[in-house]
């Protein structure tokens, strides 16, 4: 039976142009999750730590507070790009949550995560480090270490504390260099 508004000739013309068809059993569209994966995938390879200082547990001079914002950009990164990162204008493609990890676990997760992001050409990621309210030292240990680790990785072009809806001073947006051929 022709649809309302179509003549029989139009319906027949359409059917002859389309040809044989098979009705789908399930025509529901199920989009994939838009939320980034919370854990890095190491893919069975060894992670790489780009600087031996990341291995040392030497005390880091800079002690951050729970509410202190982080902001860093390498030479050559424009203020416009840094401002866009700070305002959350980049799409977060991957996410790492370091809650509940000790320094050693966080270091390994971080290194693996950054390597995974570079391998998969991720431009912007979010790392949730927490505010450190439950830290033994009374200050955010992982946040302080992460700030140092991010500066040591040359693949990190810039980072900034996240917007309040994305974790505020308990998370950072990280802008990464695209992998280049060697």
N, C-alpha and C. Protein backbone atom coordinates (compact mmCIF):
# COMPACT_ATOMS: atom_id res chain seq x y z
N UNK A 1 0.85 -1.18 0.00
CA UNK A 1 0.00 0.00 0.00
C UNK A 1 0.90 1.24 0.00
N UNK A 2 0.68 2.18 -0.92
CA UNK A 2 1.52 3.36 -0.99
C UNK A 2 1.33 4.24 0.25
N UNK A 3 2.47 4.91 0.64
CA UNK A 3 2.39 5.83 1.77
C UNK A 3 1.57 7.04 1.40
N UNK A 4 1.05 7.67 2.40
CA UNK A 4 0.22 8.86 2.22
C UNK A 4 1.02 9.92 1.47
N UNK A 5 0.47 10.45 0.42
CA UNK A 5 1.14 11.51 -0.34
C UNK A 5 1.94 11.00 -1.52
N UNK A 6 2.22 9.69 -1.62
CA UNK A 6 2.95 9.14 -2.74
C UNK A 6 1.99 8.44 -3.69
N UNK A 7 2.22 8.68 -4.94
CA UNK A 7 1.38 7.99 -5.92
C UNK A 7 1.91 6.56 -6.09
N UNK A 8 1.08 5.72 -6.69
CA UNK A 8 1.48 4.33 -6.93
C UNK A 8 2.69 4.28 -7.85
N UNK A 9 2.74 5.18 -8.84
CA UNK A 9 3.87 5.22 -9.77
C UNK A 9 5.17 5.59 -9.04
N UNK A 10 5.10 6.57 -8.12
CA UNK A 10 6.29 6.96 -7.35
C UNK A 10 6.79 5.81 -6.48
N UNK A 11 5.88 5.12 -5.84
CA UNK A 11 6.24 3.98 -4.99
C UNK A 11 6.92 2.91 -5.83
N UNK A 12 6.37 2.58 -7.00
CA UNK A 12 6.94 1.55 -7.87
C UNK A 12 8.31 1.99 -8.40
N UNK A 13 8.46 3.28 -8.74
CA UNK A 13 9.74 3.81 -9.20
C UNK A 13 10.80 3.66 -8.11
N UNK A 14 10.44 4.00 -6.87
CA UNK A 14 11.37 3.86 -5.74
C UNK A 14 11.77 2.41 -5.56
N UNK A 15 10.82 1.50 -5.56
CA UNK A 15 11.12 0.08 -5.34
C UNK A 15 12.00 -0.49 -6.45
N UNK A 16 11.79 -0.04 -7.69
CA UNK A 16 12.63 -0.55 -8.78
C UNK A 16 14.05 0.02 -8.67
N UNK A 17 14.19 1.26 -8.17
CA UNK A 17 15.51 1.86 -8.00
C UNK A 17 16.28 1.20 -6.86
N UNK A 18 15.59 0.87 -5.78
CA UNK A 18 16.23 0.27 -4.61
C UNK A 18 16.53 -1.20 -4.85
N UNK A 19 15.66 -1.89 -5.47
CA UNK A 19 15.87 -3.31 -5.74
C UNK A 19 15.41 -4.16 -4.56
N UNK A 20 15.97 -5.39 -4.52
CA UNK A 20 15.62 -6.33 -3.45
C UNK A 20 16.11 -5.82 -2.10
N UNK A 21 15.30 -5.95 -1.10
CA UNK A 21 15.68 -5.55 0.26
C UNK A 21 15.35 -6.67 1.23
N UNK A 22 16.02 -6.65 2.37
CA UNK A 22 15.75 -7.61 3.42
C UNK A 22 15.43 -6.83 4.69
N UNK A 23 14.35 -7.16 5.32
CA UNK A 23 13.95 -6.47 6.55
C UNK A 23 14.92 -6.86 7.67
N UNK A 24 15.38 -5.86 8.41
CA UNK A 24 16.25 -6.10 9.56
C UNK A 24 15.42 -6.60 10.73
N UNK A 25 16.00 -7.54 11.48
CA UNK A 25 15.30 -8.03 12.66
C UNK A 25 15.30 -6.99 13.76
N UNK A 26 16.43 -6.27 13.90
CA UNK A 26 16.55 -5.27 14.95
C UNK A 26 17.05 -3.98 14.32
N UNK A 27 16.23 -2.96 14.31
CA UNK A 27 16.63 -1.70 13.68
C UNK A 27 16.94 -0.60 14.71
N UNK A 28 17.19 -1.00 15.93
CA UNK A 28 17.50 -0.03 16.98
C UNK A 28 18.98 0.38 16.88
N UNK A 29 19.24 1.66 16.94
CA UNK A 29 20.60 2.17 16.93
C UNK A 29 21.08 2.28 18.38
N UNK A 30 22.22 1.69 18.67
CA UNK A 30 22.80 1.74 20.02
C UNK A 30 24.17 2.40 19.95
N UNK A 31 24.22 3.70 20.23
CA UNK A 31 25.52 4.38 20.16
C UNK A 31 26.45 3.89 21.25
N UNK A 32 27.74 3.97 20.97
CA UNK A 32 28.74 3.59 21.96
C UNK A 32 28.79 4.61 23.09
N UNK A 33 29.43 4.24 24.14
CA UNK A 33 29.57 5.12 25.29
C UNK A 33 30.43 6.32 24.92
N UNK A 34 30.01 7.51 25.30
CA UNK A 34 30.80 8.71 25.02
C UNK A 34 31.74 9.03 26.17
N UNK A 35 31.59 8.33 27.27
CA UNK A 35 32.45 8.58 28.42
C UNK A 35 33.79 7.88 28.22
N UNK A 36 34.88 8.58 28.53
CA UNK A 36 36.19 7.96 28.36
C UNK A 36 36.38 6.78 29.30
N UNK A 37 37.21 5.87 28.89
CA UNK A 37 37.52 4.72 29.71
C UNK A 37 38.25 5.18 30.97
N UNK A 38 37.89 4.68 32.16
CA UNK A 38 38.52 5.17 33.38
C UNK A 38 39.90 4.60 33.67
N UNK A 39 40.30 3.54 32.99
CA UNK A 39 41.59 2.92 33.26
C UNK A 39 42.39 2.76 31.98
N UNK A 40 43.71 2.93 32.07
CA UNK A 40 44.52 2.75 30.87
C UNK A 40 44.62 1.28 30.49
N UNK A 41 44.83 1.06 29.22
CA UNK A 41 45.04 -0.30 28.73
C UNK A 41 46.52 -0.43 28.40
N UNK A 42 47.22 -1.28 29.12
CA UNK A 42 48.66 -1.41 28.91
C UNK A 42 49.00 -2.30 27.72
N UNK A 43 48.05 -3.07 27.25
CA UNK A 43 48.24 -3.90 26.07
C UNK A 43 49.41 -4.86 26.19
N UNK A 44 49.77 -5.22 27.42
CA UNK A 44 50.80 -6.22 27.64
C UNK A 44 52.21 -5.75 27.39
N UNK A 45 52.41 -4.49 27.08
CA UNK A 45 53.77 -4.01 26.85
C UNK A 45 54.28 -3.29 28.09
N UNK A 46 55.58 -3.16 28.18
CA UNK A 46 56.17 -2.44 29.30
C UNK A 46 55.90 -0.96 29.12
N UNK A 47 55.59 -0.28 30.21
CA UNK A 47 55.42 1.15 30.13
C UNK A 47 56.80 1.79 30.12
N UNK A 48 56.86 3.03 29.69
CA UNK A 48 58.13 3.73 29.58
C UNK A 48 58.10 4.94 30.50
N UNK A 49 59.12 5.07 31.29
CA UNK A 49 59.24 6.27 32.12
C UNK A 49 60.34 7.10 31.46
N UNK A 50 59.98 8.30 31.03
CA UNK A 50 60.89 9.09 30.20
C UNK A 50 62.01 9.76 30.98
N UNK A 51 61.89 9.83 32.27
CA UNK A 51 62.90 10.52 33.04
C UNK A 51 63.21 9.72 34.30
N UNK A 52 64.50 9.48 34.59
CA UNK A 52 64.83 8.71 35.79
C UNK A 52 64.35 9.37 37.08
N UNK A 53 64.12 10.68 37.06
CA UNK A 53 63.63 11.37 38.26
C UNK A 53 62.24 10.88 38.66
N UNK A 54 61.50 10.33 37.69
CA UNK A 54 60.18 9.80 38.03
C UNK A 54 60.29 8.58 38.92
N UNK A 55 61.44 7.91 38.86
CA UNK A 55 61.63 6.70 39.66
C UNK A 55 62.01 7.03 41.10
N UNK A 56 62.61 8.18 41.30
CA UNK A 56 63.05 8.52 42.65
C UNK A 56 61.87 8.94 43.50
N UNK A 57 61.97 8.64 44.76
CA UNK A 57 60.95 9.08 45.71
C UNK A 57 61.48 10.24 46.54
N UNK A 58 62.42 10.97 45.95
CA UNK A 58 62.95 12.13 46.64
C UNK A 58 61.81 13.07 46.95
N UNK A 59 61.82 13.68 48.12
CA UNK A 59 60.73 14.59 48.46
C UNK A 59 60.66 15.73 47.45
N UNK A 60 59.47 16.05 47.06
CA UNK A 60 59.26 17.12 46.10
C UNK A 60 59.05 18.40 46.88
N UNK A 61 59.83 19.42 46.53
CA UNK A 61 59.80 20.67 47.30
C UNK A 61 58.44 21.35 47.28
N UNK A 62 57.76 21.29 46.16
CA UNK A 62 56.51 22.02 46.01
C UNK A 62 55.37 21.24 46.64
N UNK A 63 54.83 21.74 47.74
CA UNK A 63 53.69 21.12 48.39
C UNK A 63 52.45 21.90 48.00
N UNK A 64 51.52 21.21 47.39
CA UNK A 64 50.29 21.84 46.94
C UNK A 64 49.20 21.69 47.98
N UNK A 65 48.22 22.56 47.92
CA UNK A 65 47.07 22.45 48.81
C UNK A 65 45.90 21.85 48.02
N UNK A 66 44.91 21.37 48.75
CA UNK A 66 43.76 20.72 48.11
C UNK A 66 43.05 21.65 47.13
N UNK A 67 42.93 22.92 47.47
CA UNK A 67 42.19 23.85 46.63
C UNK A 67 43.03 24.59 45.61
N UNK A 68 44.32 24.32 45.57
CA UNK A 68 45.21 25.03 44.66
C UNK A 68 45.03 24.55 43.23
N UNK A 69 44.88 25.50 42.32
CA UNK A 69 44.73 25.18 40.90
C UNK A 69 46.10 24.95 40.26
N UNK A 70 46.13 24.06 39.28
CA UNK A 70 47.34 23.80 38.53
C UNK A 70 47.22 24.40 37.13
N UNK A 71 48.29 24.97 36.63
CA UNK A 71 48.32 25.50 35.28
C UNK A 71 49.77 25.49 34.81
N UNK A 72 50.00 24.89 33.64
CA UNK A 72 51.34 24.79 33.09
C UNK A 72 51.24 24.69 31.58
N UNK A 73 52.15 25.35 30.87
CA UNK A 73 52.25 25.15 29.42
C UNK A 73 53.71 25.30 29.03
N UNK A 74 54.12 24.51 28.07
CA UNK A 74 55.48 24.55 27.57
C UNK A 74 55.69 25.80 26.71
N UNK A 75 56.96 26.17 26.55
CA UNK A 75 57.29 27.27 25.65
C UNK A 75 56.77 26.93 24.26
N UNK A 76 56.20 27.93 23.61
CA UNK A 76 55.67 27.73 22.27
C UNK A 76 54.18 27.45 22.22
N UNK A 77 53.57 27.15 23.36
CA UNK A 77 52.12 26.93 23.41
C UNK A 77 51.48 28.29 23.65
N UNK A 78 50.56 28.66 22.78
CA UNK A 78 49.96 29.99 22.86
C UNK A 78 49.08 30.14 24.10
N UNK A 79 48.92 31.38 24.52
CA UNK A 79 48.04 31.67 25.65
C UNK A 79 46.61 31.31 25.32
N UNK A 80 46.24 31.44 24.04
CA UNK A 80 44.88 31.10 23.61
C UNK A 80 44.60 29.62 23.84
N UNK A 81 45.57 28.76 23.49
CA UNK A 81 45.40 27.31 23.68
C UNK A 81 45.32 26.99 25.17
N UNK A 82 46.19 27.62 25.96
CA UNK A 82 46.17 27.39 27.41
C UNK A 82 44.84 27.83 28.01
N UNK A 83 44.32 28.94 27.55
CA UNK A 83 43.02 29.45 28.04
C UNK A 83 41.90 28.49 27.66
N UNK A 84 41.93 27.97 26.43
CA UNK A 84 40.92 27.01 25.99
C UNK A 84 40.98 25.74 26.84
N UNK A 85 42.18 25.28 27.16
CA UNK A 85 42.33 24.09 28.00
C UNK A 85 41.76 24.36 29.39
N UNK A 86 42.10 25.49 29.95
CA UNK A 86 41.63 25.85 31.30
C UNK A 86 40.11 25.94 31.37
N UNK A 87 39.48 26.38 30.28
CA UNK A 87 38.02 26.52 30.24
C UNK A 87 37.32 25.24 29.80
N UNK A 88 38.08 24.17 29.57
CA UNK A 88 37.48 22.89 29.23
C UNK A 88 36.94 22.81 27.82
N UNK A 89 37.53 23.55 26.88
CA UNK A 89 37.04 23.57 25.50
C UNK A 89 37.51 22.38 24.67
N UNK A 90 38.50 21.65 25.15
CA UNK A 90 38.97 20.47 24.42
C UNK A 90 38.12 19.27 24.81
N UNK A 91 37.88 18.38 23.87
CA UNK A 91 37.13 17.16 24.15
C UNK A 91 38.03 16.17 24.86
N UNK A 92 37.62 15.72 26.03
CA UNK A 92 38.38 14.73 26.78
C UNK A 92 38.13 13.37 26.15
N UNK A 93 39.21 12.76 25.65
CA UNK A 93 39.10 11.48 24.94
C UNK A 93 39.42 10.27 25.82
N UNK A 94 40.19 10.47 26.87
CA UNK A 94 40.52 9.38 27.79
C UNK A 94 40.56 9.95 29.20
N UNK A 95 40.38 9.05 30.16
CA UNK A 95 40.36 9.46 31.56
C UNK A 95 41.09 8.43 32.42
N UNK A 96 41.82 8.92 33.41
CA UNK A 96 42.51 8.06 34.37
C UNK A 96 42.10 8.51 35.77
N UNK A 97 41.69 7.57 36.60
CA UNK A 97 41.31 7.88 37.98
C UNK A 97 42.35 7.27 38.92
N UNK A 98 43.03 8.11 39.68
CA UNK A 98 44.09 7.66 40.59
C UNK A 98 43.61 7.56 42.04
N UNK A 99 42.30 7.74 42.27
CA UNK A 99 41.78 7.62 43.63
C UNK A 99 42.16 6.27 44.24
N UNK A 100 42.56 6.28 45.49
CA UNK A 100 42.82 5.05 46.22
C UNK A 100 44.16 4.40 45.90
N UNK A 101 44.96 5.01 45.04
CA UNK A 101 46.27 4.43 44.70
C UNK A 101 47.35 5.06 45.55
N UNK A 102 48.37 4.26 45.86
CA UNK A 102 49.53 4.83 46.53
C UNK A 102 50.45 5.43 45.46
N UNK A 103 51.55 6.04 45.86
CA UNK A 103 52.42 6.75 44.92
C UNK A 103 52.96 5.80 43.85
N UNK A 104 53.41 4.61 44.25
CA UNK A 104 53.98 3.67 43.28
C UNK A 104 52.93 3.21 42.26
N UNK A 105 51.74 2.89 42.72
CA UNK A 105 50.66 2.47 41.82
C UNK A 105 50.27 3.62 40.89
N UNK A 106 50.21 4.82 41.44
CA UNK A 106 49.84 5.99 40.64
C UNK A 106 50.89 6.27 39.57
N UNK A 107 52.16 6.13 39.92
CA UNK A 107 53.26 6.37 38.98
C UNK A 107 53.18 5.42 37.78
N UNK A 108 52.96 4.14 38.06
CA UNK A 108 52.86 3.14 37.00
C UNK A 108 51.62 3.39 36.15
N UNK A 109 50.49 3.65 36.80
CA UNK A 109 49.25 3.93 36.06
C UNK A 109 49.40 5.15 35.18
N UNK A 110 50.03 6.19 35.71
CA UNK A 110 50.25 7.42 34.96
C UNK A 110 51.12 7.17 33.73
N UNK A 111 52.26 6.51 33.92
CA UNK A 111 53.18 6.26 32.81
C UNK A 111 52.51 5.43 31.72
N UNK A 112 51.80 4.39 32.13
CA UNK A 112 51.10 3.53 31.19
C UNK A 112 50.01 4.31 30.45
N UNK A 113 49.29 5.14 31.18
CA UNK A 113 48.20 5.94 30.61
C UNK A 113 48.72 6.90 29.55
N UNK A 114 49.79 7.63 29.85
CA UNK A 114 50.34 8.60 28.90
C UNK A 114 50.84 7.87 27.66
N UNK A 115 51.54 6.74 27.84
CA UNK A 115 52.00 5.97 26.68
C UNK A 115 50.83 5.50 25.83
N UNK A 116 49.76 5.05 26.48
CA UNK A 116 48.57 4.59 25.76
C UNK A 116 47.93 5.75 24.99
N UNK A 117 47.86 6.91 25.61
CA UNK A 117 47.28 8.09 24.95
C UNK A 117 48.10 8.47 23.71
N UNK A 118 49.41 8.45 23.83
CA UNK A 118 50.27 8.80 22.71
C UNK A 118 50.12 7.77 21.59
N UNK A 119 50.10 6.50 21.94
CA UNK A 119 49.94 5.43 20.95
C UNK A 119 48.65 5.58 20.17
N UNK A 120 47.58 5.97 20.86
CA UNK A 120 46.26 6.09 20.23
C UNK A 120 45.94 7.50 19.76
N UNK A 121 46.97 8.36 19.71
CA UNK A 121 46.83 9.74 19.20
C UNK A 121 45.75 10.53 19.92
N UNK A 122 45.72 10.39 21.24
CA UNK A 122 44.79 11.15 22.07
C UNK A 122 45.34 12.56 22.25
N UNK A 123 44.53 13.54 22.03
CA UNK A 123 44.96 14.94 22.13
C UNK A 123 44.73 15.51 23.53
N UNK A 124 43.61 15.15 24.16
CA UNK A 124 43.29 15.70 25.47
C UNK A 124 42.77 14.59 26.39
N UNK A 125 43.30 14.55 27.60
CA UNK A 125 42.89 13.55 28.58
C UNK A 125 42.62 14.24 29.91
N UNK A 126 41.92 13.53 30.78
CA UNK A 126 41.67 14.04 32.13
C UNK A 126 42.22 13.02 33.11
N UNK A 127 42.95 13.52 34.09
CA UNK A 127 43.48 12.67 35.16
C UNK A 127 42.88 13.14 36.47
N UNK A 128 42.18 12.23 37.13
CA UNK A 128 41.57 12.55 38.42
C UNK A 128 42.54 12.09 39.51
N UNK A 129 43.04 13.04 40.26
CA UNK A 129 44.02 12.72 41.30
C UNK A 129 43.43 12.86 42.69
N UNK A 130 42.31 13.50 42.82
CA UNK A 130 41.70 13.72 44.13
C UNK A 130 42.28 14.96 44.79
N UNK A 131 41.68 15.34 45.89
CA UNK A 131 42.12 16.54 46.60
C UNK A 131 43.00 16.23 47.80
N UNK A 132 43.15 14.97 48.12
CA UNK A 132 44.07 14.59 49.18
C UNK A 132 43.53 14.76 50.59
N UNK A 133 42.22 14.84 50.76
CA UNK A 133 41.66 15.04 52.10
C UNK A 133 41.95 13.86 53.02
N UNK A 134 42.16 12.67 52.45
CA UNK A 134 42.42 11.48 53.28
C UNK A 134 43.90 11.10 53.31
N UNK A 135 44.76 11.97 52.82
CA UNK A 135 46.20 11.69 52.82
C UNK A 135 46.76 11.77 54.23
N UNK A 136 47.74 10.93 54.50
CA UNK A 136 48.35 10.90 55.84
C UNK A 136 49.09 12.20 56.15
N UNK A 137 49.71 12.79 55.13
CA UNK A 137 50.50 14.00 55.35
C UNK A 137 49.67 15.26 55.51
N UNK A 138 48.37 15.17 55.26
CA UNK A 138 47.52 16.34 55.38
C UNK A 138 47.53 17.23 54.14
N UNK A 139 48.24 16.81 53.11
CA UNK A 139 48.24 17.55 51.85
C UNK A 139 48.12 16.54 50.71
N UNK A 140 47.72 16.98 49.53
CA UNK A 140 47.49 16.06 48.41
C UNK A 140 48.81 15.52 47.81
N UNK A 141 49.22 14.37 48.26
CA UNK A 141 50.50 13.78 47.84
C UNK A 141 50.46 13.43 46.36
N UNK A 142 49.43 12.72 45.91
CA UNK A 142 49.34 12.30 44.50
C UNK A 142 49.26 13.53 43.60
N UNK A 143 48.51 14.54 43.99
CA UNK A 143 48.41 15.78 43.21
C UNK A 143 49.78 16.42 43.03
N UNK A 144 50.55 16.49 44.12
CA UNK A 144 51.89 17.09 44.06
C UNK A 144 52.81 16.28 43.16
N UNK A 145 52.78 14.96 43.31
CA UNK A 145 53.62 14.09 42.48
C UNK A 145 53.20 14.18 41.02
N UNK A 146 51.89 14.14 40.76
CA UNK A 146 51.38 14.19 39.40
C UNK A 146 51.80 15.48 38.70
N UNK A 147 51.76 16.58 39.41
CA UNK A 147 52.17 17.86 38.84
C UNK A 147 53.62 17.76 38.36
N UNK A 148 54.46 17.13 39.14
CA UNK A 148 55.87 16.94 38.77
C UNK A 148 56.01 15.98 37.60
N UNK A 149 55.29 14.85 37.65
CA UNK A 149 55.38 13.86 36.57
C UNK A 149 54.93 14.45 35.24
N UNK A 150 53.88 15.25 35.26
CA UNK A 150 53.39 15.86 34.04
C UNK A 150 54.43 16.80 33.42
N UNK A 151 55.12 17.55 34.26
CA UNK A 151 56.16 18.45 33.76
C UNK A 151 57.34 17.68 33.17
N UNK A 152 57.61 16.47 33.70
CA UNK A 152 58.74 15.68 33.23
C UNK A 152 58.49 15.01 31.88
N UNK A 153 57.24 14.77 31.54
CA UNK A 153 56.92 14.09 30.28
C UNK A 153 56.89 15.10 29.15
N UNK A 154 57.80 14.95 28.19
CA UNK A 154 57.88 15.91 27.07
C UNK A 154 56.66 15.84 26.17
N UNK A 155 55.90 14.74 26.24
CA UNK A 155 54.68 14.62 25.43
C UNK A 155 53.56 15.52 25.95
N UNK A 156 53.68 15.97 27.18
CA UNK A 156 52.67 16.84 27.79
C UNK A 156 52.98 18.29 27.40
N UNK A 157 52.08 18.87 26.63
CA UNK A 157 52.27 20.25 26.18
C UNK A 157 51.76 21.25 27.21
N UNK A 158 50.66 20.90 27.87
CA UNK A 158 50.06 21.79 28.85
C UNK A 158 49.13 20.99 29.75
N UNK A 159 48.87 21.52 30.94
CA UNK A 159 47.85 20.94 31.81
C UNK A 159 47.24 22.03 32.67
N UNK A 160 46.02 21.77 33.10
CA UNK A 160 45.28 22.75 33.88
C UNK A 160 44.29 22.02 34.78
N UNK A 161 44.03 22.59 35.94
CA UNK A 161 42.98 22.04 36.80
C UNK A 161 41.67 22.07 36.02
N UNK A 162 40.84 21.07 36.28
CA UNK A 162 39.58 20.90 35.55
C UNK A 162 38.52 21.88 36.05
N UNK A 163 37.47 21.99 35.27
CA UNK A 163 36.29 22.76 35.69
C UNK A 163 35.64 22.04 36.87
N UNK A 164 34.90 22.77 37.72
CA UNK A 164 34.26 22.12 38.87
C UNK A 164 33.41 20.90 38.51
N UNK A 165 32.71 20.95 37.39
CA UNK A 165 31.85 19.81 37.02
C UNK A 165 32.65 18.60 36.57
N UNK A 166 33.95 18.77 36.31
CA UNK A 166 34.83 17.66 35.90
C UNK A 166 35.84 17.29 36.98
N UNK A 167 35.65 17.79 38.18
CA UNK A 167 36.55 17.43 39.27
C UNK A 167 37.26 18.59 39.92
N UNK A 168 37.19 19.77 39.32
CA UNK A 168 37.80 20.97 39.90
C UNK A 168 39.28 20.78 40.18
N UNK A 169 39.71 21.19 41.37
CA UNK A 169 41.12 21.10 41.73
C UNK A 169 41.53 19.67 42.10
N UNK A 170 40.63 18.72 41.93
CA UNK A 170 40.94 17.30 42.15
C UNK A 170 41.19 16.55 40.85
N UNK A 171 41.29 17.30 39.73
CA UNK A 171 41.51 16.68 38.43
C UNK A 171 42.22 17.67 37.52
N UNK A 172 42.90 17.14 36.50
CA UNK A 172 43.57 18.01 35.52
C UNK A 172 43.22 17.58 34.11
N UNK A 173 43.12 18.59 33.24
CA UNK A 173 43.05 18.35 31.81
C UNK A 173 44.50 18.33 31.33
N UNK A 174 44.83 17.40 30.45
CA UNK A 174 46.19 17.28 29.95
C UNK A 174 46.15 17.36 28.42
N UNK A 175 46.89 18.30 27.86
CA UNK A 175 46.99 18.44 26.42
C UNK A 175 48.27 17.75 25.97
N UNK A 176 48.13 16.80 25.04
CA UNK A 176 49.27 15.98 24.64
C UNK A 176 49.73 16.28 23.22
N UNK A 177 51.02 16.07 23.02
CA UNK A 177 51.62 16.20 21.69
C UNK A 177 51.20 15.01 20.86
N UNK A 178 50.93 15.24 19.61
CA UNK A 178 50.60 14.13 18.72
C UNK A 178 51.87 13.36 18.43
N UNK A 179 51.75 12.04 18.35
CA UNK A 179 52.90 11.17 18.09
C UNK A 179 53.47 11.50 16.71
N UNK A 180 54.77 11.70 16.68
CA UNK A 180 55.43 12.00 15.40
C UNK A 180 56.32 10.84 15.01
N UNK A 181 56.53 10.69 13.73
CA UNK A 181 57.38 9.61 13.23
C UNK A 181 58.82 9.88 13.64
N UNK A 182 59.53 8.85 13.95
CA UNK A 182 60.94 9.01 14.37
C UNK A 182 61.87 9.01 13.19
